[in-house]
Amino acid sequence: MIMTPTHYWLIAAVVFMALEAFGVSGIGFLFVGLGALIVGVALPMGILADDQIIAQFALAFAGAVATALLLWKPIQKLFPHNHNNIGYDDLIGSSGIVAAGGLVKGTEGNVLWSGTIMKAELAADAAVSSLPEGARVTIVKAKGAKLTVIPKP
């Protein structure tokens, strides 16, 4: 079997989409793969000739950009991100215990959560201005490695 440019573009499409599927780049390879697929379909349809290499790459680039523009927002809606609680969504609503030194509103202290001492602050809208060591708290926000807590009711 003789390999034609159509075969190469279709193989490139599969490779780029497989890279995306296996998490190599986040989301970019999906669009490159779709651009390659567009060229792989355009060649046998006679839209481009096999010897128009620059036009093939231009169409692949344009296809990648067009699919990115069309699909970026819908794909982002499929995978929502909570930027206020990056990586710690499971902490919200759970309990902790104020560690040594207590917590004072406006300053950073520590809270013991699940056997781990974590940086913490008392929420600005908390009903109290400080909490003593050993007080039970509820985690209301986690950003980076810092917790925001309120007194446990």
N, C-alpha and C. Protein backbone atom coordinates (compact mmCIF):
# COMPACT_ATOMS: atom_id res chain seq x y z
N MET A 1 0.84 -1.18 0.00
CA MET A 1 0.00 0.00 0.00
C MET A 1 0.89 1.25 0.00
N ILE A 2 0.54 2.17 -0.83
CA ILE A 2 1.30 3.42 -0.93
C ILE A 2 0.64 4.45 -0.01
N MET A 3 1.47 5.05 0.83
CA MET A 3 0.97 6.09 1.74
C MET A 3 0.84 7.40 0.98
N THR A 4 -0.31 8.01 1.11
CA THR A 4 -0.57 9.30 0.46
C THR A 4 -0.64 10.39 1.53
N PRO A 5 -0.63 11.66 1.15
CA PRO A 5 -0.78 12.73 2.13
C PRO A 5 -2.06 12.58 2.96
N THR A 6 -3.11 12.06 2.36
CA THR A 6 -4.36 11.84 3.11
C THR A 6 -4.10 10.91 4.29
N HIS A 7 -3.37 9.82 4.06
CA HIS A 7 -3.05 8.89 5.14
C HIS A 7 -2.26 9.58 6.25
N TYR A 8 -1.26 10.36 5.86
CA TYR A 8 -0.43 11.04 6.86
C TYR A 8 -1.25 12.02 7.70
N TRP A 9 -2.16 12.75 7.06
CA TRP A 9 -2.98 13.70 7.81
C TRP A 9 -3.94 12.97 8.75
N LEU A 10 -4.50 11.87 8.29
CA LEU A 10 -5.42 11.11 9.15
C LEU A 10 -4.67 10.46 10.32
N ILE A 11 -3.46 9.98 10.06
CA ILE A 11 -2.64 9.43 11.15
C ILE A 11 -2.28 10.53 12.14
N ALA A 12 -1.92 11.71 11.63
CA ALA A 12 -1.61 12.85 12.51
C ALA A 12 -2.82 13.20 13.36
N ALA A 13 -4.01 13.19 12.76
CA ALA A 13 -5.23 13.50 13.51
C ALA A 13 -5.41 12.51 14.66
N VAL A 14 -5.24 11.23 14.37
CA VAL A 14 -5.40 10.20 15.41
C VAL A 14 -4.35 10.37 16.50
N VAL A 15 -3.11 10.64 16.12
CA VAL A 15 -2.04 10.80 17.10
C VAL A 15 -2.30 12.00 18.01
N PHE A 16 -2.65 13.15 17.41
CA PHE A 16 -2.90 14.34 18.23
C PHE A 16 -4.10 14.15 19.15
N MET A 17 -5.16 13.53 18.65
CA MET A 17 -6.33 13.32 19.51
C MET A 17 -6.04 12.29 20.60
N ALA A 18 -5.20 11.30 20.30
CA ALA A 18 -4.80 10.34 21.32
C ALA A 18 -3.96 11.02 22.40
N LEU A 19 -3.06 11.90 21.98
CA LEU A 19 -2.27 12.66 22.97
C LEU A 19 -3.18 13.45 23.89
N GLU A 20 -4.20 14.07 23.30
CA GLU A 20 -5.16 14.83 24.11
C GLU A 20 -5.92 13.90 25.05
N ALA A 21 -6.36 12.77 24.54
CA ALA A 21 -7.15 11.84 25.34
C ALA A 21 -6.36 11.30 26.52
N PHE A 22 -5.05 11.14 26.35
CA PHE A 22 -4.24 10.62 27.43
C PHE A 22 -3.61 11.71 28.28
N GLY A 23 -4.09 12.96 28.13
CA GLY A 23 -3.74 14.05 29.03
C GLY A 23 -2.38 14.66 28.86
N VAL A 24 -1.78 14.58 27.67
CA VAL A 24 -0.45 15.13 27.49
C VAL A 24 -0.44 16.65 27.56
N SER A 25 -1.48 17.33 27.04
CA SER A 25 -1.37 18.79 26.97
C SER A 25 -2.55 19.57 27.49
N GLY A 26 -3.49 18.98 28.10
CA GLY A 26 -4.64 19.75 28.55
C GLY A 26 -5.74 19.72 27.52
N ILE A 27 -5.70 20.62 26.55
CA ILE A 27 -6.76 20.62 25.54
C ILE A 27 -6.27 21.00 24.15
N GLY A 28 -5.09 21.47 23.99
CA GLY A 28 -4.61 21.97 22.71
C GLY A 28 -4.49 20.95 21.59
N PHE A 29 -4.05 19.74 21.89
CA PHE A 29 -3.88 18.74 20.84
C PHE A 29 -5.20 18.35 20.19
N LEU A 30 -6.29 18.49 20.89
CA LEU A 30 -7.59 18.18 20.30
C LEU A 30 -7.83 19.04 19.07
N PHE A 31 -7.57 20.32 19.16
CA PHE A 31 -7.82 21.23 18.05
C PHE A 31 -6.83 21.01 16.90
N VAL A 32 -5.59 20.71 17.22
CA VAL A 32 -4.61 20.40 16.19
C VAL A 32 -5.04 19.12 15.46
N GLY A 33 -5.51 18.15 16.22
CA GLY A 33 -6.00 16.91 15.62
C GLY A 33 -7.20 17.14 14.73
N LEU A 34 -8.10 18.01 15.14
CA LEU A 34 -9.26 18.34 14.31
C LEU A 34 -8.84 19.07 13.04
N GLY A 35 -7.85 19.93 13.14
CA GLY A 35 -7.32 20.60 11.94
C GLY A 35 -6.72 19.59 10.97
N ALA A 36 -5.97 18.63 11.49
CA ALA A 36 -5.40 17.58 10.65
C ALA A 36 -6.50 16.72 10.01
N LEU A 37 -7.54 16.46 10.76
CA LEU A 37 -8.67 15.69 10.24
C LEU A 37 -9.35 16.43 9.09
N ILE A 38 -9.49 17.73 9.23
CA ILE A 38 -10.10 18.53 8.16
C ILE A 38 -9.29 18.39 6.87
N VAL A 39 -7.96 18.46 6.97
CA VAL A 39 -7.12 18.30 5.78
C VAL A 39 -7.23 16.87 5.26
N GLY A 40 -7.25 15.89 6.16
CA GLY A 40 -7.37 14.50 5.74
C GLY A 40 -8.67 14.21 5.01
N VAL A 41 -9.70 14.99 5.27
CA VAL A 41 -10.98 14.84 4.57
C VAL A 41 -10.99 15.69 3.30
N ALA A 42 -10.34 16.86 3.33
CA ALA A 42 -10.34 17.77 2.18
C ALA A 42 -9.56 17.20 1.00
N LEU A 43 -8.49 16.45 1.25
CA LEU A 43 -7.67 15.93 0.16
C LEU A 43 -8.42 14.95 -0.74
N PRO A 44 -9.05 13.91 -0.23
CA PRO A 44 -9.76 13.00 -1.14
C PRO A 44 -10.99 13.62 -1.80
N MET A 45 -11.51 14.70 -1.21
CA MET A 45 -12.65 15.39 -1.80
C MET A 45 -12.22 16.30 -2.95
N GLY A 46 -10.93 16.48 -3.15
CA GLY A 46 -10.43 17.30 -4.24
C GLY A 46 -10.37 18.78 -3.91
N ILE A 47 -10.62 19.14 -2.66
CA ILE A 47 -10.55 20.56 -2.26
C ILE A 47 -9.11 21.04 -2.32
N LEU A 48 -8.17 20.17 -1.99
CA LEU A 48 -6.74 20.45 -2.09
C LEU A 48 -6.09 19.32 -2.87
N ALA A 49 -4.98 19.64 -3.55
CA ALA A 49 -4.21 18.62 -4.26
C ALA A 49 -3.12 18.08 -3.34
N ASP A 50 -2.68 16.86 -3.63
CA ASP A 50 -1.63 16.23 -2.81
C ASP A 50 -0.34 17.03 -2.79
N ASP A 51 -0.05 17.80 -3.86
CA ASP A 51 1.21 18.53 -3.93
C ASP A 51 1.12 19.95 -3.35
N GLN A 52 -0.01 20.34 -2.83
CA GLN A 52 -0.18 21.68 -2.25
C GLN A 52 0.14 21.64 -0.74
N ILE A 53 1.38 21.41 -0.43
CA ILE A 53 1.81 21.21 0.96
C ILE A 53 1.55 22.46 1.81
N ILE A 54 1.91 23.62 1.31
CA ILE A 54 1.71 24.85 2.10
C ILE A 54 0.22 25.07 2.33
N ALA A 55 -0.59 24.85 1.34
CA ALA A 55 -2.04 25.01 1.49
C ALA A 55 -2.59 24.00 2.49
N GLN A 56 -2.03 22.80 2.51
CA GLN A 56 -2.48 21.78 3.48
C GLN A 56 -2.19 22.23 4.91
N PHE A 57 -0.98 22.73 5.14
CA PHE A 57 -0.63 23.20 6.48
C PHE A 57 -1.45 24.43 6.86
N ALA A 58 -1.69 25.30 5.88
CA ALA A 58 -2.51 26.49 6.15
C ALA A 58 -3.94 26.08 6.53
N LEU A 59 -4.50 25.10 5.80
CA LEU A 59 -5.84 24.63 6.14
C LEU A 59 -5.85 23.94 7.50
N ALA A 60 -4.81 23.19 7.82
CA ALA A 60 -4.74 22.54 9.13
C ALA A 60 -4.70 23.58 10.24
N PHE A 61 -3.91 24.63 10.05
CA PHE A 61 -3.83 25.70 11.04
C PHE A 61 -5.17 26.41 11.17
N ALA A 62 -5.76 26.77 10.02
CA ALA A 62 -7.06 27.45 10.04
C ALA A 62 -8.13 26.56 10.68
N GLY A 63 -8.09 25.27 10.39
CA GLY A 63 -9.04 24.34 10.99
C GLY A 63 -8.88 24.25 12.49
N ALA A 64 -7.62 24.23 12.95
CA ALA A 64 -7.36 24.18 14.40
C ALA A 64 -7.88 25.44 15.08
N VAL A 65 -7.61 26.59 14.48
CA VAL A 65 -8.07 27.86 15.06
C VAL A 65 -9.60 27.93 15.05
N ALA A 66 -10.20 27.55 13.93
CA ALA A 66 -11.67 27.61 13.83
C ALA A 66 -12.35 26.68 14.83
N THR A 67 -11.84 25.45 14.95
CA THR A 67 -12.47 24.54 15.90
C THR A 67 -12.24 25.00 17.34
N ALA A 68 -11.08 25.60 17.60
CA ALA A 68 -10.83 26.13 18.95
C ALA A 68 -11.83 27.25 19.26
N LEU A 69 -12.04 28.14 18.30
CA LEU A 69 -12.97 29.25 18.52
C LEU A 69 -14.41 28.74 18.71
N LEU A 70 -14.77 27.73 17.95
CA LEU A 70 -16.13 27.20 18.03
C LEU A 70 -16.38 26.33 19.26
N LEU A 71 -15.36 25.58 19.67
CA LEU A 71 -15.58 24.56 20.70
C LEU A 71 -15.02 24.89 22.07
N TRP A 72 -14.21 25.93 22.19
CA TRP A 72 -13.55 26.21 23.48
C TRP A 72 -14.55 26.38 24.62
N LYS A 73 -15.51 27.28 24.46
CA LYS A 73 -16.48 27.53 25.54
C LYS A 73 -17.33 26.30 25.85
N PRO A 74 -17.90 25.62 24.85
CA PRO A 74 -18.68 24.42 25.17
C PRO A 74 -17.87 23.35 25.91
N ILE A 75 -16.60 23.19 25.53
CA ILE A 75 -15.78 22.18 26.22
C ILE A 75 -15.49 22.62 27.65
N GLN A 76 -15.25 23.91 27.85
CA GLN A 76 -15.00 24.41 29.21
C GLN A 76 -16.21 24.18 30.11
N LYS A 77 -17.41 24.28 29.55
CA LYS A 77 -18.63 24.05 30.34
C LYS A 77 -18.75 22.59 30.75
N LEU A 78 -18.16 21.68 29.97
CA LEU A 78 -18.19 20.26 30.33
C LEU A 78 -17.30 19.96 31.53
N PHE A 79 -16.26 20.77 31.70
CA PHE A 79 -15.29 20.55 32.77
C PHE A 79 -15.17 21.81 33.61
N PRO A 80 -16.15 22.10 34.48
CA PRO A 80 -16.10 23.34 35.25
C PRO A 80 -14.93 23.34 36.23
N HIS A 81 -14.40 24.53 36.41
CA HIS A 81 -13.30 24.72 37.36
C HIS A 81 -13.75 25.70 38.42
N ASN A 82 -13.45 25.40 39.67
CA ASN A 82 -13.75 26.31 40.75
C ASN A 82 -12.43 26.94 41.17
N HIS A 83 -12.13 28.13 40.64
CA HIS A 83 -10.84 28.75 40.88
C HIS A 83 -10.67 29.27 42.30
N ASN A 84 -11.74 29.39 43.07
CA ASN A 84 -11.61 29.83 44.45
C ASN A 84 -11.19 28.70 45.38
N ASN A 85 -11.44 27.48 44.99
CA ASN A 85 -11.13 26.32 45.83
C ASN A 85 -10.30 25.31 45.05
N ILE A 86 -9.24 25.76 44.44
CA ILE A 86 -8.44 24.94 43.56
C ILE A 86 -7.91 23.71 44.31
N GLY A 87 -8.33 22.54 43.86
CA GLY A 87 -7.80 21.30 44.37
C GLY A 87 -8.28 20.88 45.74
N TYR A 88 -9.12 21.66 46.40
CA TYR A 88 -9.50 21.34 47.77
C TYR A 88 -11.01 21.34 47.97
N ASP A 89 -11.77 21.09 46.91
CA ASP A 89 -13.23 21.13 47.02
C ASP A 89 -13.76 20.20 48.10
N ASP A 90 -13.08 19.09 48.34
CA ASP A 90 -13.55 18.14 49.34
C ASP A 90 -13.40 18.65 50.77
N LEU A 91 -12.65 19.70 50.97
CA LEU A 91 -12.47 20.26 52.31
C LEU A 91 -13.66 21.10 52.77
N ILE A 92 -14.31 21.76 51.82
CA ILE A 92 -15.38 22.71 52.15
C ILE A 92 -16.49 22.00 52.91
N GLY A 93 -16.83 22.57 54.05
CA GLY A 93 -17.88 22.01 54.89
C GLY A 93 -17.38 21.02 55.93
N SER A 94 -16.12 20.61 55.81
CA SER A 94 -15.60 19.67 56.81
C SER A 94 -15.11 20.41 58.05
N SER A 95 -14.82 19.65 59.08
CA SER A 95 -14.45 20.23 60.39
C SER A 95 -12.96 20.18 60.62
N GLY A 96 -12.52 21.10 61.44
CA GLY A 96 -11.14 21.13 61.87
C GLY A 96 -11.06 21.61 63.30
N ILE A 97 -9.86 21.63 63.84
CA ILE A 97 -9.63 22.08 65.21
C ILE A 97 -8.53 23.14 65.19
N VAL A 98 -8.78 24.26 65.85
CA VAL A 98 -7.79 25.33 65.92
C VAL A 98 -6.55 24.80 66.63
N ALA A 99 -5.39 25.00 66.01
CA ALA A 99 -4.13 24.52 66.56
C ALA A 99 -3.55 25.54 67.54
N ALA A 100 -2.36 25.24 68.03
CA ALA A 100 -1.69 26.07 69.05
C ALA A 100 -1.66 27.54 68.65
N GLY A 101 -1.92 28.39 69.59
CA GLY A 101 -1.89 29.83 69.37
C GLY A 101 -3.25 30.43 69.04
N GLY A 102 -4.21 29.59 68.69
CA GLY A 102 -5.55 30.08 68.39
C GLY A 102 -5.61 30.82 67.05
N LEU A 103 -6.76 31.39 66.77
CA LEU A 103 -6.97 32.16 65.55
C LEU A 103 -7.51 33.53 65.91
N VAL A 104 -6.95 34.55 65.32
CA VAL A 104 -7.42 35.92 65.51
C VAL A 104 -7.76 36.47 64.13
N LYS A 105 -8.93 37.11 64.03
CA LYS A 105 -9.36 37.66 62.75
C LYS A 105 -8.31 38.63 62.22
N GLY A 106 -7.97 38.48 60.95
CA GLY A 106 -6.99 39.36 60.33
C GLY A 106 -5.56 38.84 60.37
N THR A 107 -5.32 37.77 61.10
CA THR A 107 -3.98 37.18 61.14
C THR A 107 -4.06 35.70 60.75
N GLU A 108 -2.94 35.18 60.36
CA GLU A 108 -2.87 33.78 59.95
C GLU A 108 -2.53 32.90 61.14
N GLY A 109 -3.22 31.77 61.22
CA GLY A 109 -2.94 30.80 62.26
C GLY A 109 -2.92 29.41 61.64
N ASN A 110 -3.19 28.41 62.47
CA ASN A 110 -3.17 27.03 61.99
C ASN A 110 -4.41 26.28 62.46
N VAL A 111 -4.84 25.33 61.61
CA VAL A 111 -5.97 24.47 61.92
C VAL A 111 -5.54 23.03 61.64
N LEU A 112 -5.93 22.13 62.52
CA LEU A 112 -5.67 20.72 62.33
C LEU A 112 -6.86 20.13 61.58
N TRP A 113 -6.59 19.59 60.39
CA TRP A 113 -7.64 18.96 59.58
C TRP A 113 -7.15 17.60 59.13
N SER A 114 -7.87 16.58 59.48
CA SER A 114 -7.56 15.21 59.06
C SER A 114 -6.11 14.84 59.35
N GLY A 115 -5.62 15.23 60.51
CA GLY A 115 -4.27 14.88 60.92
C GLY A 115 -3.19 15.78 60.34
N THR A 116 -3.58 16.81 59.60
CA THR A 116 -2.61 17.70 58.98
C THR A 116 -2.79 19.12 59.50
N ILE A 117 -1.69 19.77 59.85
CA ILE A 117 -1.76 21.17 60.27
C ILE A 117 -1.69 22.02 59.02
N MET A 118 -2.71 22.88 58.84
CA MET A 118 -2.79 23.73 57.66
C MET A 118 -2.89 25.19 58.07
N LYS A 119 -2.36 26.07 57.23
CA LYS A 119 -2.50 27.51 57.45
C LYS A 119 -3.98 27.85 57.37
N ALA A 120 -4.41 28.79 58.20
CA ALA A 120 -5.83 29.14 58.23
C ALA A 120 -6.01 30.57 58.69
N GLU A 121 -7.20 31.09 58.34
CA GLU A 121 -7.59 32.41 58.81
C GLU A 121 -9.07 32.35 59.16
N LEU A 122 -9.47 33.19 60.07
CA LEU A 122 -10.86 33.31 60.46
C LEU A 122 -11.57 34.13 59.39
N ALA A 123 -12.72 33.67 58.93
CA ALA A 123 -13.47 34.37 57.88
C ALA A 123 -13.79 35.80 58.32
N ALA A 124 -13.75 36.73 57.38
CA ALA A 124 -14.02 38.14 57.68
C ALA A 124 -15.42 38.34 58.23
N ASP A 125 -16.36 37.49 57.82
CA ASP A 125 -17.75 37.64 58.29
C ASP A 125 -18.08 36.72 59.47
N ALA A 126 -17.03 36.15 60.09
CA ALA A 126 -17.26 35.28 61.26
C ALA A 126 -17.84 36.11 62.40
N ALA A 127 -18.69 35.48 63.21
CA ALA A 127 -19.38 36.17 64.30
C ALA A 127 -18.45 36.49 65.48
N VAL A 128 -17.26 35.94 65.49
CA VAL A 128 -16.31 36.18 66.59
C VAL A 128 -15.03 36.79 66.02
N SER A 129 -14.24 37.39 66.91
CA SER A 129 -12.99 37.99 66.45
C SER A 129 -11.79 37.10 66.71
N SER A 130 -11.98 36.06 67.52
CA SER A 130 -10.88 35.13 67.78
C SER A 130 -11.45 33.79 68.25
N LEU A 131 -10.62 32.77 68.12
CA LEU A 131 -10.97 31.42 68.60
C LEU A 131 -9.78 30.85 69.34
N PRO A 132 -10.00 30.21 70.48
CA PRO A 132 -8.89 29.64 71.24
C PRO A 132 -8.43 28.31 70.64
N GLU A 133 -7.25 27.89 71.04
CA GLU A 133 -6.74 26.59 70.66
C GLU A 133 -7.74 25.51 71.07
N GLY A 134 -7.97 24.54 70.20
CA GLY A 134 -8.90 23.45 70.50
C GLY A 134 -10.33 23.70 70.06
N ALA A 135 -10.66 24.94 69.64
CA ALA A 135 -12.03 25.24 69.19
C ALA A 135 -12.29 24.52 67.87
N ARG A 136 -13.52 24.04 67.71
CA ARG A 136 -13.90 23.35 66.48
C ARG A 136 -14.36 24.39 65.46
N VAL A 137 -13.94 24.18 64.20
CA VAL A 137 -14.27 25.11 63.13
C VAL A 137 -14.81 24.35 61.92
N THR A 138 -15.50 25.10 61.06
CA THR A 138 -15.97 24.57 59.78
C THR A 138 -15.21 25.30 58.68
N ILE A 139 -14.71 24.55 57.73
CA ILE A 139 -13.95 25.13 56.62
C ILE A 139 -14.94 25.64 55.57
N VAL A 140 -14.81 26.94 55.23
CA VAL A 140 -15.72 27.54 54.25
C VAL A 140 -15.03 27.87 52.92
N LYS A 141 -13.70 27.87 52.91
CA LYS A 141 -12.97 28.18 51.68
C LYS A 141 -11.58 27.61 51.79
N ALA A 142 -11.05 27.18 50.66
CA ALA A 142 -9.67 26.71 50.61
C ALA A 142 -9.05 27.27 49.33
N LYS A 143 -8.00 28.02 49.49
CA LYS A 143 -7.31 28.58 48.32
C LYS A 143 -5.83 28.33 48.50
N GLY A 144 -5.26 27.63 47.53
CA GLY A 144 -3.88 27.21 47.68
C GLY A 144 -3.81 26.26 48.86
N ALA A 145 -2.93 26.55 49.80
CA ALA A 145 -2.80 25.72 51.00
C ALA A 145 -3.33 26.44 52.23
N LYS A 146 -4.20 27.42 52.03
CA LYS A 146 -4.72 28.20 53.15
C LYS A 146 -6.24 28.03 53.26
N LEU A 147 -6.69 27.77 54.47
CA LEU A 147 -8.11 27.57 54.75
C LEU A 147 -8.73 28.84 55.33
N THR A 148 -9.98 29.03 55.04
CA THR A 148 -10.76 30.07 55.71
C THR A 148 -11.83 29.34 56.50
N VAL A 149 -11.97 29.69 57.78
CA VAL A 149 -12.85 28.93 58.67
C VAL A 149 -13.81 29.84 59.44
N ILE A 150 -14.86 29.23 59.96
CA ILE A 150 -15.80 29.89 60.87
C ILE A 150 -15.98 28.97 62.06
N PRO A 151 -16.43 29.54 63.20
CA PRO A 151 -16.68 28.67 64.36
C PRO A 151 -17.73 27.62 64.03
N LYS A 152 -17.53 26.42 64.54
CA LYS A 152 -18.51 25.36 64.31
C LYS A 152 -19.71 25.62 65.23
N PRO A 153 -20.92 25.61 64.65
CA PRO A 153 -22.11 25.89 65.45
C PRO A 153 -22.37 24.80 66.50
